[in-house]
Amino acid sequence: MIYLTALGNGVLVLGSHRRAVDLLDKQSANFSDRPASVIFEMMDIGWNFGLMRYGTSNPIMYEETKAYLRKVNTHPNDVFEDTQFLPEESDPNYAALETVARNVSGLAFFAGVETTGISGVATLWVLASYPEVQAKPQAEIDAVVGSVNEVGRWYTVAPLGVPHSNTEDDEYDGYFIPNGTIIFQNNWAMMHDPDVFEKPFKFIPERYIKDGKIDPSVPDTERAAFGHGRRIYPGRNFSNDALFLLVASLLATYTLTAPKDEKGNVAPMKFEGQNLAVN
């Protein structure tokens, strides 16, 4: 763990999978807030549940009341008919239903598409760079699961994840964590920890397979892209399904190879991908 102060704010960086699980998963009731972000407010993306702070404010009823008054002002003859249904429509769940449905669907698409696109590009590069890896899942398509998991580990889409924040003071492992600390999970370090993953900088899908099945003892690499605890991204299923279909279809249909120069020699490839960073 690393703790520092930046611009008056306490910042805690978790560098191991165990510590991230201890705080963000097991103590999620306290460590599931998000730090305030002026940039998000300026971008008007407060609807994004994944970035929303904990709170009790609910402006939906206020906005719906203003909308009703505008309607009455425009069509005063309908005021009695509209008022007749106010008890039913004044239910907060009724007023929020459309907004919540739109935002949840949008968040799933937002998270899933972004991570799928980045991981998909990394997958193409890896398969072309490691032809010996590509041949194995082509022989047995079930091994694609290992390839997909290894892509998420080998190329960490969100190296520092989305920051959490704690709503109350806490003490962990002898250290005091003050209220409002900005907490980052160093996903890159976790996914390249040599004590957890043998040869962490090599692309080895077989590390997830044991006796032809997924080995549950290997740490879940999904957390590196989608976070921990109560704030894990709901779009992860969308992304995982899309990436699995992409890799399985490519391996079943094509054999990817690295480009060759005019002399027929394999030309070196350079991977230029993008990482997600949320400030």
Protein backbone atom coordinates (compact mmCIF):
# COMPACT_ATOMS: atom_id res chain seq x y z
CA MET A 1 0.00 0.00 0.00
CA ILE A 2 1.12 3.55 -0.75
CA TYR A 3 -0.44 6.62 0.89
CA LEU A 4 0.23 10.17 -0.22
CA THR A 5 -1.32 13.62 -0.10
CA ALA A 6 -2.07 15.42 -3.36
CA LEU A 7 -3.60 18.91 -3.42
CA GLY A 8 -4.88 18.41 0.10
CA ASN A 9 -6.52 15.07 -0.66
CA GLY A 10 -5.43 11.75 0.82
CA VAL A 11 -4.69 9.13 -1.85
CA LEU A 12 -4.29 5.41 -1.12
CA VAL A 13 -2.97 3.01 -3.78
CA LEU A 14 -3.63 -0.70 -3.25
CA GLY A 15 -0.97 -2.81 -4.93
CA SER A 16 -2.10 -6.35 -4.12
CA HIS A 17 -5.16 -8.40 -4.90
CA ARG A 18 -5.55 -9.37 -1.23
CA ARG A 19 -5.70 -5.79 0.00
CA ALA A 20 -8.15 -4.77 -2.72
CA VAL A 21 -10.47 -7.62 -1.74
CA ASP A 22 -10.11 -6.84 1.99
CA LEU A 23 -11.14 -3.20 1.60
CA LEU A 24 -13.21 -2.86 -1.58
CA ASP A 25 -15.05 -6.19 -1.39
CA LYS A 26 -15.24 -7.24 2.26
CA GLN A 27 -15.72 -3.67 3.54
CA SER A 28 -17.72 -2.42 0.58
CA ALA A 29 -20.29 -0.71 2.85
CA ASN A 30 -17.62 1.86 3.73
CA PHE A 31 -15.41 1.84 0.63
CA SER A 32 -17.95 2.20 -2.20
CA ASP A 33 -18.19 5.97 -2.49
CA ARG A 34 -16.68 7.88 -5.42
CA PRO A 35 -14.52 11.00 -5.05
CA ALA A 36 -16.03 14.24 -6.31
CA SER A 37 -15.01 15.17 -9.86
CA VAL A 38 -15.38 18.65 -11.33
CA ILE A 39 -14.65 17.23 -14.78
CA PHE A 40 -17.64 14.87 -14.62
CA GLU A 41 -19.90 17.75 -13.61
CA MET A 42 -18.66 19.86 -16.53
CA MET A 43 -19.21 16.93 -18.92
CA ASP A 44 -22.77 16.45 -17.60
CA ILE A 45 -22.37 12.71 -17.10
CA GLY A 46 -23.80 12.60 -13.61
CA TRP A 47 -26.31 10.02 -14.85
CA ASN A 48 -23.55 7.39 -14.95
CA PHE A 49 -24.23 5.13 -11.95
CA GLY A 50 -20.69 3.79 -12.09
CA LEU A 51 -19.28 7.24 -11.33
CA MET A 52 -22.08 8.54 -9.09
CA ARG A 53 -21.35 9.38 -5.46
CA TYR A 54 -23.33 8.04 -2.53
CA GLY A 55 -26.05 10.44 -1.41
CA THR A 56 -29.71 11.00 -0.59
CA SER A 57 -30.53 13.83 -3.01
CA ASN A 58 -33.18 12.92 -5.59
CA PRO A 59 -34.06 15.79 -7.94
CA ILE A 60 -36.40 13.68 -10.09
CA MET A 61 -39.59 14.62 -8.22
CA TYR A 62 -38.64 18.30 -8.36
CA GLU A 63 -38.03 18.14 -12.10
CA GLU A 64 -41.28 16.24 -12.67
CA THR A 65 -43.21 18.87 -10.71
CA LYS A 66 -41.77 21.64 -12.87
CA ALA A 67 -42.66 19.66 -15.99
CA TYR A 68 -46.25 19.31 -14.74
CA LEU A 69 -46.51 23.06 -14.10
CA ARG A 70 -45.26 23.81 -17.61
CA LYS A 71 -47.88 21.46 -19.00
CA VAL A 72 -50.62 23.15 -16.98
CA ASN A 73 -49.47 26.53 -18.23
CA THR A 74 -49.60 25.32 -21.84
CA HIS A 75 -52.86 23.37 -21.59
CA PRO A 76 -54.86 24.81 -18.67
CA ASN A 77 -58.05 23.09 -19.79
CA ASP A 78 -56.51 19.71 -19.01
CA VAL A 79 -55.56 20.58 -15.43
CA PHE A 80 -58.39 18.60 -13.81
CA GLU A 81 -57.81 15.53 -15.96
CA ASP A 82 -54.08 15.61 -15.25
CA THR A 83 -54.56 16.18 -11.52
CA GLN A 84 -56.80 13.13 -11.33
CA PHE A 85 -53.81 10.89 -12.01
CA LEU A 86 -51.35 12.70 -9.73
CA PRO A 87 -51.57 10.16 -6.85
CA GLU A 88 -50.47 7.43 -9.23
CA GLU A 89 -47.78 9.42 -11.03
CA SER A 90 -46.43 11.04 -7.86
CA ASP A 91 -44.91 7.70 -6.88
CA PRO A 92 -41.13 8.32 -7.02
CA ASN A 93 -40.68 4.92 -8.65
CA TYR A 94 -43.04 5.92 -11.45
CA ALA A 95 -41.26 9.21 -12.09
CA ALA A 96 -37.82 7.62 -12.00
CA LEU A 97 -38.62 4.49 -14.00
CA GLU A 98 -37.84 5.86 -17.44
CA THR A 99 -34.71 7.67 -16.28
CA VAL A 100 -33.35 4.67 -14.39
CA ALA A 101 -34.03 2.30 -17.28
CA ARG A 102 -32.24 4.59 -19.73
CA ASN A 103 -29.26 5.18 -17.46
CA VAL A 104 -28.74 1.53 -16.54
CA SER A 105 -28.89 0.47 -20.18
CA GLY A 106 -26.58 3.29 -21.18
CA LEU A 107 -24.07 2.41 -18.47
CA ALA A 108 -23.95 -1.25 -19.50
CA PHE A 109 -23.31 -0.23 -23.10
CA PHE A 110 -20.82 2.49 -22.13
CA ALA A 111 -18.70 0.17 -19.99
CA GLY A 112 -19.01 -2.88 -22.21
CA VAL A 113 -18.22 -1.26 -25.55
CA GLU A 114 -15.19 0.66 -24.27
CA THR A 115 -13.49 -2.31 -22.64
CA THR A 116 -14.46 -4.69 -25.44
CA GLY A 117 -12.93 -2.46 -28.10
CA ILE A 118 -9.63 -2.01 -26.29
CA SER A 119 -9.33 -5.68 -25.32
CA GLY A 120 -10.29 -6.74 -28.84
CA VAL A 121 -7.41 -4.78 -30.38
CA ALA A 122 -5.01 -6.22 -27.81
CA THR A 123 -6.26 -9.72 -28.64
CA LEU A 124 -5.51 -9.33 -32.35
CA TRP A 125 -2.00 -8.13 -31.60
CA VAL A 126 -1.30 -10.96 -29.17
CA LEU A 127 -2.62 -13.70 -31.45
CA ALA A 128 -0.54 -12.47 -34.36
CA SER A 129 2.55 -12.18 -32.15
CA TYR A 130 2.21 -15.63 -30.54
CA PRO A 131 1.22 -18.11 -33.29
CA GLU A 132 1.96 -21.07 -31.01
CA VAL A 133 -0.71 -19.80 -28.63
CA GLN A 134 -3.21 -19.36 -31.45
CA ALA A 135 -2.96 -22.96 -32.62
CA LYS A 136 -4.04 -24.46 -29.31
CA PRO A 137 -7.46 -22.77 -28.96
CA GLN A 138 -8.06 -23.49 -32.63
CA ALA A 139 -7.68 -27.18 -31.83
CA GLU A 140 -10.00 -26.96 -28.82
CA ILE A 141 -12.29 -23.93 -28.77
CA ASP A 142 -12.97 -24.25 -25.03
CA ALA A 143 -9.48 -22.92 -24.42
CA VAL A 144 -10.71 -19.57 -25.74
CA VAL A 145 -11.83 -18.82 -22.22
CA GLY A 146 -8.21 -18.95 -21.12
CA SER A 147 -7.17 -16.69 -23.99
CA VAL A 148 -9.81 -14.11 -23.09
CA ASN A 149 -8.80 -14.13 -19.42
CA GLU A 150 -5.13 -13.85 -20.31
CA VAL A 151 -5.76 -10.83 -22.54
CA GLY A 152 -7.39 -9.07 -19.59
CA ARG A 153 -4.39 -9.88 -17.42
CA TRP A 154 -1.59 -9.33 -19.92
CA TYR A 155 -2.98 -6.01 -21.18
CA THR A 156 -4.70 -4.31 -18.26
CA VAL A 157 -7.40 -2.06 -19.72
CA ALA A 158 -7.80 0.05 -16.58
CA PRO A 159 -4.38 0.09 -14.85
CA LEU A 160 -5.63 2.06 -11.83
CA GLY A 161 -9.33 1.24 -12.13
CA VAL A 162 -12.02 3.71 -11.08
CA PRO A 163 -11.20 5.36 -7.75
CA HIS A 164 -13.21 4.52 -4.63
CA SER A 165 -13.63 6.62 -1.51
CA ASN A 166 -14.55 5.77 2.07
CA THR A 167 -17.46 7.44 3.87
CA GLU A 168 -16.06 6.83 7.37
CA ASP A 169 -12.65 6.67 9.04
CA ASP A 170 -11.18 3.18 9.03
CA GLU A 171 -8.19 1.27 10.36
CA TYR A 172 -6.73 -1.52 8.26
CA ASP A 173 -3.70 -3.67 8.96
CA GLY A 174 -2.44 -1.17 11.54
CA TYR A 175 -2.90 1.86 9.27
CA PHE A 176 -5.41 4.68 9.67
CA ILE A 177 -7.45 5.59 6.58
CA PRO A 178 -9.22 8.94 7.06
CA ASN A 179 -12.69 9.63 5.74
CA GLY A 180 -12.77 10.77 2.10
CA THR A 181 -9.51 9.12 1.04
CA ILE A 182 -9.26 8.56 -2.71
CA ILE A 183 -8.48 4.88 -3.22
CA PHE A 184 -6.96 3.46 -6.38
CA GLN A 185 -6.45 -0.24 -7.06
CA ASN A 186 -3.19 -0.80 -8.96
CA ASN A 187 -4.63 -3.41 -11.31
CA TRP A 188 -1.51 -3.48 -13.48
CA ALA A 189 0.69 -4.46 -10.52
CA MET A 190 -1.84 -7.08 -9.36
CA MET A 191 -2.05 -8.68 -12.80
CA HIS A 192 1.76 -8.73 -13.20
CA ASP A 193 2.65 -9.94 -9.71
CA PRO A 194 5.28 -12.72 -10.15
CA ASP A 195 4.21 -14.24 -6.82
CA VAL A 196 0.73 -14.83 -8.25
CA PHE A 197 1.33 -15.29 -11.99
CA GLU A 198 4.36 -17.22 -13.20
CA LYS A 199 6.17 -15.35 -15.99
CA PRO A 200 3.71 -12.44 -15.76
CA PHE A 201 4.97 -10.66 -18.90
CA LYS A 202 4.42 -13.67 -21.16
CA PHE A 203 1.07 -14.46 -22.76
CA ILE A 204 0.16 -17.92 -21.40
CA PRO A 205 -3.56 -18.78 -21.65
CA GLU A 206 -2.87 -22.26 -20.26
CA ARG A 207 -2.37 -20.80 -16.79
CA TYR A 208 -6.18 -20.71 -16.41
CA ILE A 209 -6.78 -24.28 -17.60
CA LYS A 210 -6.36 -27.40 -15.47
CA ASP A 211 -7.41 -30.85 -16.66
CA GLY A 212 -9.33 -29.26 -19.53
CA LYS A 213 -11.33 -26.97 -17.24
CA ILE A 214 -11.03 -23.46 -15.84
CA ASP A 215 -8.81 -23.50 -12.75
CA PRO A 216 -10.71 -21.67 -9.95
CA SER A 217 -7.51 -21.21 -7.94
CA VAL A 218 -6.19 -18.62 -10.43
CA PRO A 219 -7.18 -15.05 -9.43
CA ASP A 220 -10.08 -13.51 -11.31
CA THR A 221 -8.68 -11.12 -13.93
CA GLU A 222 -12.13 -9.60 -14.50
CA ARG A 223 -11.58 -7.31 -11.52
CA ALA A 224 -8.72 -5.62 -13.38
CA ALA A 225 -11.15 -4.18 -15.92
CA PHE A 226 -14.43 -3.86 -14.04
CA GLY A 227 -13.54 -3.05 -10.44
CA HIS A 228 -14.42 -4.41 -7.02
CA GLY A 229 -17.25 -4.64 -4.55
CA ARG A 230 -20.56 -2.87 -4.93
CA ARG A 231 -19.22 -0.57 -7.64
CA ILE A 232 -18.24 -3.28 -10.10
CA TYR A 233 -19.39 -2.31 -13.61
CA PRO A 234 -22.71 -3.84 -14.69
CA GLY A 235 -21.50 -3.84 -18.30
CA ARG A 236 -18.99 -6.62 -17.62
CA ASN A 237 -21.28 -9.38 -18.91
CA PHE A 238 -21.85 -7.49 -22.15
CA SER A 239 -18.11 -7.02 -22.62
CA ASN A 240 -17.17 -10.60 -21.72
CA ASP A 241 -19.74 -12.12 -24.07
CA ALA A 242 -18.73 -9.84 -26.94
CA LEU A 243 -15.02 -10.52 -26.45
CA PHE A 244 -15.57 -14.28 -26.21
CA LEU A 245 -17.58 -14.29 -29.45
CA LEU A 246 -14.94 -12.16 -31.15
CA VAL A 247 -12.01 -14.41 -30.19
CA ALA A 248 -13.86 -17.68 -30.78
CA SER A 249 -15.08 -16.56 -34.21
CA LEU A 250 -11.65 -15.32 -35.26
CA LEU A 251 -9.89 -18.52 -34.25
CA ALA A 252 -12.53 -20.72 -35.85
CA THR A 253 -12.36 -18.80 -39.14
CA TYR A 254 -8.89 -17.34 -39.57
CA THR A 255 -5.25 -17.87 -38.73
CA LEU A 256 -3.69 -14.56 -37.76
CA THR A 257 -0.04 -14.00 -38.62
CA ALA A 258 2.42 -11.17 -38.21
CA PRO A 259 3.16 -9.12 -41.35
CA LYS A 260 6.25 -9.90 -43.43
CA ASP A 261 8.69 -7.62 -45.20
CA GLU A 262 9.71 -7.79 -48.86
CA LYS A 263 12.20 -10.58 -48.09
CA GLY A 264 9.59 -12.72 -46.38
CA ASN A 265 10.89 -12.11 -42.90
CA VAL A 266 8.48 -11.47 -40.06
CA ALA A 267 8.26 -7.74 -39.47
CA PRO A 268 8.31 -6.58 -35.85
CA MET A 269 4.98 -5.33 -34.59
CA LYS A 270 4.42 -2.55 -32.10
CA PHE A 271 1.23 -2.53 -30.06
CA GLU A 272 -0.19 0.94 -29.49
CA GLY A 273 -3.29 0.60 -27.36
CA GLN A 274 -5.19 2.89 -25.04
CA ASN A 275 -5.82 2.51 -21.34
CA LEU A 276 -8.82 3.72 -19.39
CA ALA A 277 -8.13 6.23 -16.67
CA VAL A 278 -10.79 7.85 -14.51
CA ASN A 279 -9.75 10.87 -12.48
